[in-house]
């Protein structure tokens, strides 16, 4: 059985706009949801921005690993001028 305890803590926002959540949250990610001008909800956890979630699918992770391995094993080519000329001539 899970017991949930609700605790209310009053904090003062410093002149620099910061508050301390305590050492128990040190190094963790938090999500701050601004519900309105007077209410914020703070949650701890691990977060991936919506526009980056596609990177973490199994298929894309394998594709990215292959691309990284390819770049590590192949010499870099500087062909920007060739690409620019090809684009200008299209």
PDB file of N, CA and C in Angstrom:
ATOM      1  N   UNK A   1       0.836  -1.171   0.000  1.00  0.00           N
ATOM      2  CA  UNK A   1       0.000   0.000   0.000  1.00  0.00           C
ATOM      3  C   UNK A   1       0.886   1.241   0.000  1.00  0.00           C
ATOM      4  N   UNK A   2       0.586   2.158  -0.889  1.00  0.00           N
ATOM      5  CA  UNK A   2       1.361   3.391  -1.008  1.00  0.00           C
ATOM      6  C   UNK A   2       0.712   4.481  -0.174  1.00  0.00           C
ATOM      7  N   UNK A   3       1.511   5.080   0.684  1.00  0.00           N
ATOM      8  CA  UNK A   3       1.001   6.166   1.511  1.00  0.00           C
ATOM      9  C   UNK A   3       1.544   7.477   0.963  1.00  0.00           C
ATOM     10  N   UNK A   4       0.674   8.372   0.628  1.00  0.00           N
ATOM     11  CA  UNK A   4       1.080   9.672   0.109  1.00  0.00           C
ATOM     12  C   UNK A   4       0.950  10.709   1.216  1.00  0.00           C
ATOM     13  N   UNK A   5       2.025  11.461   1.397  1.00  0.00           N
ATOM     14  CA  UNK A   5       1.952  12.540   2.378  1.00  0.00           C
ATOM     15  C   UNK A   5       2.026  13.861   1.636  1.00  0.00           C
ATOM     16  N   UNK A   6       1.182  14.764   1.998  1.00  0.00           N
ATOM     17  CA  UNK A   6       1.186  16.095   1.412  1.00  0.00           C
ATOM     18  C   UNK A   6       1.851  17.049   2.386  1.00  0.00           C
ATOM     19  N   UNK A   7       2.861  17.730   1.914  1.00  0.00           N
ATOM     20  CA  UNK A   7       3.579  18.682   2.744  1.00  0.00           C
ATOM     21  C   UNK A   7       3.581  20.021   2.045  1.00  0.00           C
ATOM     22  N   UNK A   8       3.295  21.041   2.769  1.00  0.00           N
ATOM     23  CA  UNK A   8       3.361  22.397   2.231  1.00  0.00           C
ATOM     24  C   UNK A   8       4.587  23.060   2.817  1.00  0.00           C
ATOM     25  N   UNK A   9       5.430  23.586   1.935  1.00  0.00           N
ATOM     26  CA  UNK A   9       6.645  24.278   2.355  1.00  0.00           C
ATOM     27  C   UNK A   9       6.579  25.697   1.815  1.00  0.00           C
ATOM     28  N   UNK A  10       6.849  26.655   2.659  1.00  0.00           N
ATOM     29  CA  UNK A  10       6.880  28.055   2.244  1.00  0.00           C
ATOM     30  C   UNK A  10       8.340  28.438   1.973  1.00  0.00           C
ATOM     31  N   UNK A  11       8.605  28.973   0.803  1.00  0.00           N
ATOM     32  CA  UNK A  11       9.946  29.419   0.425  1.00  0.00           C
ATOM     33  C   UNK A  11       9.865  30.876   0.000  1.00  0.00           C
ATOM     34  N   UNK A  12      10.935  31.600   0.210  1.00  0.00           N
ATOM     35  CA  UNK A  12      11.011  32.977  -0.265  1.00  0.00           C
ATOM     36  C   UNK A  12      11.903  33.004  -1.499  1.00  0.00           C
ATOM     37  N   UNK A  13      11.413  33.644  -2.546  1.00  0.00           N
ATOM     38  CA  UNK A  13      12.192  33.798  -3.766  1.00  0.00           C
ATOM     39  C   UNK A  13      13.214  34.902  -3.523  1.00  0.00           C
ATOM     40  N   UNK A  14      14.477  34.589  -3.795  1.00  0.00           N
ATOM     41  CA  UNK A  14      15.540  35.563  -3.591  1.00  0.00           C
ATOM     42  C   UNK A  14      15.464  36.710  -4.574  1.00  0.00           C
ATOM     43  N   UNK A  15      16.252  37.734  -4.340  1.00  0.00           N
ATOM     44  CA  UNK A  15      16.256  38.903  -5.222  1.00  0.00           C
ATOM     45  C   UNK A  15      16.724  38.551  -6.627  1.00  0.00           C
ATOM     46  N   UNK A  16      17.422  37.412  -6.748  1.00  0.00           N
ATOM     47  CA  UNK A  16      17.879  36.970  -8.070  1.00  0.00           C
ATOM     48  C   UNK A  16      16.851  36.072  -8.767  1.00  0.00           C
ATOM     49  N   UNK A  17      15.685  35.868  -8.133  1.00  0.00           N
ATOM     50  CA  UNK A  17      14.620  35.080  -8.743  1.00  0.00           C
ATOM     51  C   UNK A  17      14.753  33.586  -8.510  1.00  0.00           C
ATOM     52  N   UNK A  18      15.630  33.152  -7.610  1.00  0.00           N
ATOM     53  CA  UNK A  18      15.854  31.731  -7.390  1.00  0.00           C
ATOM     54  C   UNK A  18      15.306  31.268  -6.052  1.00  0.00           C
ATOM     55  N   UNK A  19      14.960  29.962  -6.006  1.00  0.00           N
ATOM     56  CA  UNK A  19      14.618  29.313  -4.747  1.00  0.00           C
ATOM     57  C   UNK A  19      15.447  28.036  -4.654  1.00  0.00           C
ATOM     58  N   UNK A  20      15.643  27.533  -3.449  1.00  0.00           N
ATOM     59  CA  UNK A  20      16.344  26.270  -3.244  1.00  0.00           C
ATOM     60  C   UNK A  20      15.312  25.209  -2.904  1.00  0.00           C
ATOM     61  N   UNK A  21      15.383  24.082  -3.595  1.00  0.00           N
ATOM     62  CA  UNK A  21      14.460  22.983  -3.316  1.00  0.00           C
ATOM     63  C   UNK A  21      15.042  22.024  -2.291  1.00  0.00           C
ATOM     64  N   UNK A  22      16.319  22.152  -1.979  1.00  0.00           N
ATOM     65  CA  UNK A  22      16.969  21.279  -1.011  1.00  0.00           C
ATOM     66  C   UNK A  22      17.918  20.309  -1.680  1.00  0.00           C
ATOM     67  N   UNK A  23      18.856  19.796  -0.885  1.00  0.00           N
ATOM     68  CA  UNK A  23      19.897  18.914  -1.413  1.00  0.00           C
ATOM     69  C   UNK A  23      19.351  17.613  -1.977  1.00  0.00           C
ATOM     70  N   UNK A  24      18.183  17.198  -1.518  1.00  0.00           N
ATOM     71  CA  UNK A  24      17.622  15.936  -2.027  1.00  0.00           C
ATOM     72  C   UNK A  24      17.323  16.009  -3.527  1.00  0.00           C
ATOM     73  N   UNK A  25      17.207  17.209  -4.073  1.00  0.00           N
ATOM     74  CA  UNK A  25      16.922  17.388  -5.501  1.00  0.00           C
ATOM     75  C   UNK A  25      18.158  17.797  -6.298  1.00  0.00           C
ATOM     76  N   UNK A  26      19.299  17.882  -5.652  1.00  0.00           N
ATOM     77  CA  UNK A  26      20.525  18.316  -6.330  1.00  0.00           C
ATOM     78  C   UNK A  26      20.830  17.410  -7.520  1.00  0.00           C
ATOM     79  N   UNK A  27      21.070  18.019  -8.667  1.00  0.00           N
ATOM     80  CA  UNK A  27      21.422  17.282  -9.879  1.00  0.00           C
ATOM     81  C   UNK A  27      20.258  16.659 -10.616  1.00  0.00           C
ATOM     82  N   UNK A  28      19.062  16.734 -10.062  1.00  0.00           N
ATOM     83  CA  UNK A  28      17.905  16.148 -10.723  1.00  0.00           C
ATOM     84  C   UNK A  28      17.248  17.159 -11.653  1.00  0.00           C
ATOM     85  N   UNK A  29      16.535  16.649 -12.635  1.00  0.00           N
ATOM     86  CA  UNK A  29      15.749  17.510 -13.503  1.00  0.00           C
ATOM     87  C   UNK A  29      14.397  17.750 -12.841  1.00  0.00           C
ATOM     88  N   UNK A  30      13.881  18.933 -13.054  1.00  0.00           N
ATOM     89  CA  UNK A  30      12.534  19.242 -12.587  1.00  0.00           C
ATOM     90  C   UNK A  30      11.749  19.859 -13.735  1.00  0.00           C
ATOM     91  N   UNK A  31      10.457  19.720 -13.656  1.00  0.00           N
ATOM     92  CA  UNK A  31       9.557  20.337 -14.622  1.00  0.00           C
ATOM     93  C   UNK A  31       8.734  21.362 -13.860  1.00  0.00           C
ATOM     94  N   UNK A  32       8.700  22.572 -14.368  1.00  0.00           N
ATOM     95  CA  UNK A  32       7.892  23.616 -13.745  1.00  0.00           C
ATOM     96  C   UNK A  32       6.772  23.979 -14.712  1.00  0.00           C
ATOM     97  N   UNK A  33       5.551  23.732 -14.284  1.00  0.00           N
ATOM     98  CA  UNK A  33       4.384  24.073 -15.092  1.00  0.00           C
ATOM     99  C   UNK A  33       3.768  25.336 -14.513  1.00  0.00           C
ATOM    100  N   UNK A  34       3.678  26.371 -15.324  1.00  0.00           N
ATOM    101  CA  UNK A  34       3.031  27.609 -14.886  1.00  0.00           C
ATOM    102  C   UNK A  34       1.562  27.492 -15.262  1.00  0.00           C
ATOM    103  N   UNK A  35       0.732  27.294 -14.240  1.00  0.00           N
ATOM    104  CA  UNK A  35      -0.688  27.083 -14.479  1.00  0.00           C
ATOM    105  C   UNK A  35      -1.425  28.392 -14.713  1.00  0.00           C
ATOM    106  N   UNK A  36      -1.009  29.426 -14.023  1.00  0.00           N
ATOM    107  CA  UNK A  36      -1.515  30.779 -14.238  1.00  0.00           C
ATOM    108  C   UNK A  36      -0.507  31.738 -13.595  1.00  0.00           C
ATOM    109  N   UNK A  37      -0.842  32.999 -13.498  1.00  0.00           N
ATOM    110  CA  UNK A  37       0.111  33.985 -12.970  1.00  0.00           C
ATOM    111  C   UNK A  37       0.492  33.747 -11.515  1.00  0.00           C
ATOM    112  N   UNK A  38      -0.300  33.025 -10.777  1.00  0.00           N
ATOM    113  CA  UNK A  38      -0.062  32.838  -9.344  1.00  0.00           C
ATOM    114  C   UNK A  38       0.215  31.390  -8.943  1.00  0.00           C
ATOM    115  N   UNK A  39       0.130  30.440  -9.876  1.00  0.00           N
ATOM    116  CA  UNK A  39       0.251  29.033  -9.521  1.00  0.00           C
ATOM    117  C   UNK A  39       1.268  28.324 -10.415  1.00  0.00           C
ATOM    118  N   UNK A  40       2.211  27.610  -9.768  1.00  0.00           N
ATOM    119  CA  UNK A  40       3.192  26.797 -10.474  1.00  0.00           C
ATOM    120  C   UNK A  40       3.196  25.403  -9.859  1.00  0.00           C
ATOM    121  N   UNK A  41       3.402  24.405 -10.683  1.00  0.00           N
ATOM    122  CA  UNK A  41       3.470  23.026 -10.237  1.00  0.00           C
ATOM    123  C   UNK A  41       4.875  22.522 -10.557  1.00  0.00           C
ATOM    124  N   UNK A  42       5.586  21.979  -9.571  1.00  0.00           N
ATOM    125  CA  UNK A  42       6.952  21.499  -9.749  1.00  0.00           C
ATOM    126  C   UNK A  42       6.959  19.982  -9.611  1.00  0.00           C
ATOM    127  N   UNK A  43       7.511  19.289 -10.620  1.00  0.00           N
ATOM    128  CA  UNK A  43       7.616  17.828 -10.591  1.00  0.00           C
ATOM    129  C   UNK A  43       9.059  17.437 -10.875  1.00  0.00           C
ATOM    130  N   UNK A  44       9.567  16.431 -10.168  1.00  0.00           N
ATOM    131  CA  UNK A  44      10.901  15.921 -10.478  1.00  0.00           C
ATOM    132  C   UNK A  44      10.768  14.735 -11.421  1.00  0.00           C
ATOM    133  N   UNK A  45      11.824  14.464 -12.187  1.00  0.00           N
ATOM    134  CA  UNK A  45      11.801  13.348 -13.124  1.00  0.00           C
ATOM    135  C   UNK A  45      12.818  13.546 -14.221  1.00  0.00           C
ATOM    136  N   UNK A  46      12.740  12.700 -15.236  1.00  0.00           N
ATOM    137  CA  UNK A  46      13.595  12.822 -16.417  1.00  0.00           C
ATOM    138  C   UNK A  46      12.706  13.241 -17.582  1.00  0.00           C
ATOM    139  N   UNK A  47      13.128  14.245 -18.308  1.00  0.00           N
ATOM    140  CA  UNK A  47      12.269  14.808 -19.336  1.00  0.00           C
ATOM    141  C   UNK A  47      12.986  14.883 -20.673  1.00  0.00           C
ATOM    142  N   UNK A  48      12.276  14.533 -21.712  1.00  0.00           N
ATOM    143  CA  UNK A  48      12.770  14.669 -23.080  1.00  0.00           C
ATOM    144  C   UNK A  48      11.793  15.599 -23.784  1.00  0.00           C
ATOM    145  N   UNK A  49      12.300  16.690 -24.354  1.00  0.00           N
ATOM    146  CA  UNK A  49      11.390  17.591 -25.076  1.00  0.00           C
ATOM    147  C   UNK A  49      10.635  16.844 -26.172  1.00  0.00           C
ATOM    148  N   UNK A  50       9.388  17.201 -26.380  1.00  0.00           N
ATOM    149  CA  UNK A  50       8.546  16.519 -27.365  1.00  0.00           C
ATOM    150  C   UNK A  50       9.188  16.452 -28.736  1.00  0.00           C
ATOM    151  N   UNK A  51       9.853  17.545 -29.156  1.00  0.00           N
ATOM    152  CA  UNK A  51      10.426  17.555 -30.501  1.00  0.00           C
ATOM    153  C   UNK A  51      11.722  16.753 -30.609  1.00  0.00           C
ATOM    154  N   UNK A  52      12.164  16.106 -29.511  1.00  0.00           N
ATOM    155  CA  UNK A  52      13.357  15.261 -29.550  1.00  0.00           C
ATOM    156  C   UNK A  52      13.040  13.800 -29.254  1.00  0.00           C
ATOM    157  N   UNK A  53      11.796  13.474 -28.943  1.00  0.00           N
ATOM    158  CA  UNK A  53      11.437  12.103 -28.578  1.00  0.00           C
ATOM    159  C   UNK A  53      11.688  11.114 -29.707  1.00  0.00           C
ATOM    160  N   UNK A  54      11.554  11.551 -30.954  1.00  0.00           N
ATOM    161  CA  UNK A  54      11.769  10.663 -32.083  1.00  0.00           C
ATOM    162  C   UNK A  54      13.189  10.094 -32.091  1.00  0.00           C
ATOM    163  N   UNK A  55      14.135  10.826 -31.503  1.00  0.00           N
ATOM    164  CA  UNK A  55      15.520  10.351 -31.473  1.00  0.00           C
ATOM    165  C   UNK A  55      15.680   9.079 -30.652  1.00  0.00           C
ATOM    166  N   UNK A  56      14.775   8.840 -29.718  1.00  0.00           N
ATOM    167  CA  UNK A  56      14.928   7.755 -28.759  1.00  0.00           C
ATOM    168  C   UNK A  56      14.166   6.491 -29.126  1.00  0.00           C
ATOM    169  N   UNK A  57      13.561   6.463 -30.316  1.00  0.00           N
ATOM    170  CA  UNK A  57      12.936   5.220 -30.749  1.00  0.00           C
ATOM    171  C   UNK A  57      14.047   4.225 -31.087  1.00  0.00           C
ATOM    172  N   UNK A  58      13.770   2.954 -30.959  1.00  0.00           N
ATOM    173  CA  UNK A  58      14.788   1.912 -31.190  1.00  0.00           C
ATOM    174  C   UNK A  58      15.409   2.026 -32.586  1.00  0.00           C
ATOM    175  N   UNK A  59      14.557   2.255 -33.593  1.00  0.00           N
ATOM    176  CA  UNK A  59      15.048   2.347 -34.980  1.00  0.00           C
ATOM    177  C   UNK A  59      15.984   3.544 -35.138  1.00  0.00           C
ATOM    178  N   UNK A  60      15.570   4.704 -34.628  1.00  0.00           N
ATOM    179  CA  UNK A  60      16.391   5.900 -34.794  1.00  0.00           C
ATOM    180  C   UNK A  60      17.665   5.849 -33.963  1.00  0.00           C
ATOM    181  N   UNK A  61      17.622   5.224 -32.803  1.00  0.00           N
ATOM    182  CA  UNK A  61      18.827   5.084 -31.989  1.00  0.00           C
ATOM    183  C   UNK A  61      19.873   4.280 -32.746  1.00  0.00           C
ATOM    184  N   UNK A  62      19.450   3.179 -33.380  1.00  0.00           N
ATOM    185  CA  UNK A  62      20.379   2.358 -34.161  1.00  0.00           C
ATOM    186  C   UNK A  62      20.923   3.146 -35.350  1.00  0.00           C
ATOM    187  N   UNK A  63      20.058   3.892 -36.022  1.00  0.00           N
ATOM    188  CA  UNK A  63      20.494   4.697 -37.165  1.00  0.00           C
ATOM    189  C   UNK A  63      21.507   5.754 -36.734  1.00  0.00           C
ATOM    190  N   UNK A  64      21.244   6.415 -35.612  1.00  0.00           N
ATOM    191  CA  UNK A  64      22.178   7.432 -35.113  1.00  0.00           C
ATOM    192  C   UNK A  64      23.509   6.810 -34.699  1.00  0.00           C
ATOM    193  N   UNK A  65      23.470   5.652 -34.063  1.00  0.00           N
ATOM    194  CA  UNK A  65      24.714   4.964 -33.687  1.00  0.00           C
ATOM    195  C   UNK A  65      25.534   4.619 -34.921  1.00  0.00           C
ATOM    196  N   UNK A  66      24.861   4.144 -35.983  1.00  0.00           N
ATOM    197  CA  UNK A  66      25.559   3.845 -37.240  1.00  0.00           C
ATOM    198  C   UNK A  66      26.165   5.097 -37.852  1.00  0.00           C
ATOM    199  N   UNK A  67      25.426   6.206 -37.802  1.00  0.00           N
ATOM    200  CA  UNK A  67      25.941   7.464 -38.363  1.00  0.00           C
ATOM    201  C   UNK A  67      27.149   7.961 -37.580  1.00  0.00           C
ATOM    202  N   UNK A  68      27.087   7.853 -36.263  1.00  0.00           N
ATOM    203  CA  UNK A  68      28.224   8.281 -35.440  1.00  0.00           C
ATOM    204  C   UNK A  68      29.441   7.413 -35.738  1.00  0.00           C
ATOM    205  N   UNK A  69      29.222   6.105 -35.820  1.00  0.00           N
ATOM    206  CA  UNK A  69      30.332   5.196 -36.125  1.00  0.00           C
ATOM    207  C   UNK A  69      30.925   5.517 -37.493  1.00  0.00           C
ATOM    208  N   UNK A  70      30.069   5.810 -38.484  1.00  0.00           N
ATOM    209  CA  UNK A  70      30.560   6.133 -39.824  1.00  0.00           C
ATOM    210  C   UNK A  70      31.422   7.388 -39.788  1.00  0.00           C
ATOM    211  N   UNK A  71      30.967   8.420 -39.074  1.00  0.00           N
ATOM    212  CA  UNK A  71      31.744   9.669 -39.026  1.00  0.00           C
ATOM    213  C   UNK A  71      33.070   9.477 -38.305  1.00  0.00           C
ATOM    214  N   UNK A  72      33.096   8.584 -37.321  1.00  0.00           N
ATOM    215  CA  UNK A  72      34.348   8.326 -36.607  1.00  0.00           C
ATOM    216  C   UNK A  72      35.337   7.562 -37.462  1.00  0.00           C
ATOM    217  N   UNK A  73      34.851   6.774 -38.434  1.00  0.00           N
ATOM    218  CA  UNK A  73      35.716   5.928 -39.266  1.00  0.00           C
ATOM    219  C   UNK A  73      36.015   6.514 -40.642  1.00  0.00           C
ATOM    220  N   UNK A  74      35.462   7.657 -40.980  1.00  0.00           N
ATOM    221  CA  UNK A  74      35.658   8.249 -42.301  1.00  0.00           C
ATOM    222  C   UNK A  74      36.192   9.668 -42.173  1.00  0.00           C
ATOM    223  N   UNK A  75      37.027  10.009 -43.129  1.00  0.00           N
ATOM    224  CA  UNK A  75      37.641  11.339 -43.124  1.00  0.00           C
ATOM    225  C   UNK A  75      36.614  12.395 -43.512  1.00  0.00           C
ATOM    226  N   UNK A  76      36.702  13.528 -42.853  1.00  0.00           N
ATOM    227  CA  UNK A  76      35.796  14.639 -43.131  1.00  0.00           C
ATOM    228  C   UNK A  76      36.130  15.242 -44.486  1.00  0.00           C
ATOM    229  N   UNK A  77      35.102  15.512 -45.282  1.00  0.00           N
ATOM    230  CA  UNK A  77      35.277  16.155 -46.590  1.00  0.00           C
ATOM    231  C   UNK A  77      34.733  17.559 -46.524  1.00  0.00           C
ATOM    232  N   UNK A  78      35.522  18.500 -46.964  1.00  0.00           N
ATOM    233  CA  UNK A  78      35.080  19.891 -47.015  1.00  0.00           C
ATOM    234  C   UNK A  78      34.719  20.210 -48.461  1.00  0.00           C
ATOM    235  N   UNK A  79      33.448  19.997 -48.814  1.00  0.00           N
ATOM    236  CA  UNK A  79      33.005  20.238 -50.183  1.00  0.00           C
ATOM    237  C   UNK A  79      31.877  21.267 -50.237  1.00  0.00           C
ATOM    238  N   UNK A  80      31.932  22.223 -49.322  1.00  0.00           N
ATOM    239  CA  UNK A  80      30.873  23.237 -49.276  1.00  0.00           C
ATOM    240  C   UNK A  80      30.813  24.065 -50.557  1.00  0.00           C
ATOM    241  N   UNK A  81      31.961  24.384 -51.128  1.00  0.00           N
ATOM    242  CA  UNK A  81      31.969  25.170 -52.376  1.00  0.00           C
ATOM    243  C   UNK A  81      31.313  24.396 -53.511  1.00  0.00           C
ATOM    244  N   UNK A  82      31.582  23.098 -53.609  1.00  0.00           N
ATOM    245  CA  UNK A  82      30.947  22.275 -54.643  1.00  0.00           C
ATOM    246  C   UNK A  82      29.424  22.264 -54.462  1.00  0.00           C
ATOM    247  N   UNK A  83      28.982  22.130 -53.235  1.00  0.00           N
ATOM    248  CA  UNK A  83      27.547  22.104 -52.949  1.00  0.00           C
ATOM    249  C   UNK A  83      26.912  23.449 -53.289  1.00  0.00           C
ATOM    250  N   UNK A  84      27.570  24.558 -52.909  1.00  0.00           N
ATOM    251  CA  UNK A  84      27.050  25.888 -53.209  1.00  0.00           C
ATOM    252  C   UNK A  84      26.916  26.096 -54.709  1.00  0.00           C
ATOM    253  N   UNK A  85      27.928  25.706 -55.466  1.00  0.00           N
ATOM    254  CA  UNK A  85      27.899  25.870 -56.916  1.00  0.00           C
ATOM    255  C   UNK A  85      26.779  25.026 -57.512  1.00  0.00           C
ATOM    256  N   UNK A  86      26.599  23.798 -57.032  1.00  0.00           N
ATOM    257  CA  UNK A  86      25.544  22.928 -57.545  1.00  0.00           C
ATOM    258  C   UNK A  86      24.167  23.535 -57.275  1.00  0.00           C
ATOM    259  N   UNK A  87      24.005  24.137 -56.102  1.00  0.00           N
ATOM    260  CA  UNK A  87      22.721  24.753 -55.758  1.00  0.00           C
ATOM    261  C   UNK A  87      22.466  25.979 -56.624  1.00  0.00           C
ATOM    262  N   UNK A  88      23.505  26.790 -56.814  1.00  0.00           N
ATOM    263  CA  UNK A  88      23.349  28.008 -57.615  1.00  0.00           C
ATOM    264  C   UNK A  88      23.056  27.698 -59.070  1.00  0.00           C
ATOM    265  N   UNK A  89      23.525  26.575 -59.566  1.00  0.00           N
ATOM    266  CA  UNK A  89      23.338  26.211 -60.975  1.00  0.00           C
ATOM    267  C   UNK A  89      22.035  25.460 -61.217  1.00  0.00           C
ATOM    268  N   UNK A  90      21.286  25.178 -60.167  1.00  0.00           N
ATOM    269  CA  UNK A  90      20.001  24.478 -60.333  1.00  0.00           C
ATOM    270  C   UNK A  90      18.947  25.357 -60.891  1.00  0.00           C
TER     271      UNK A  90
END
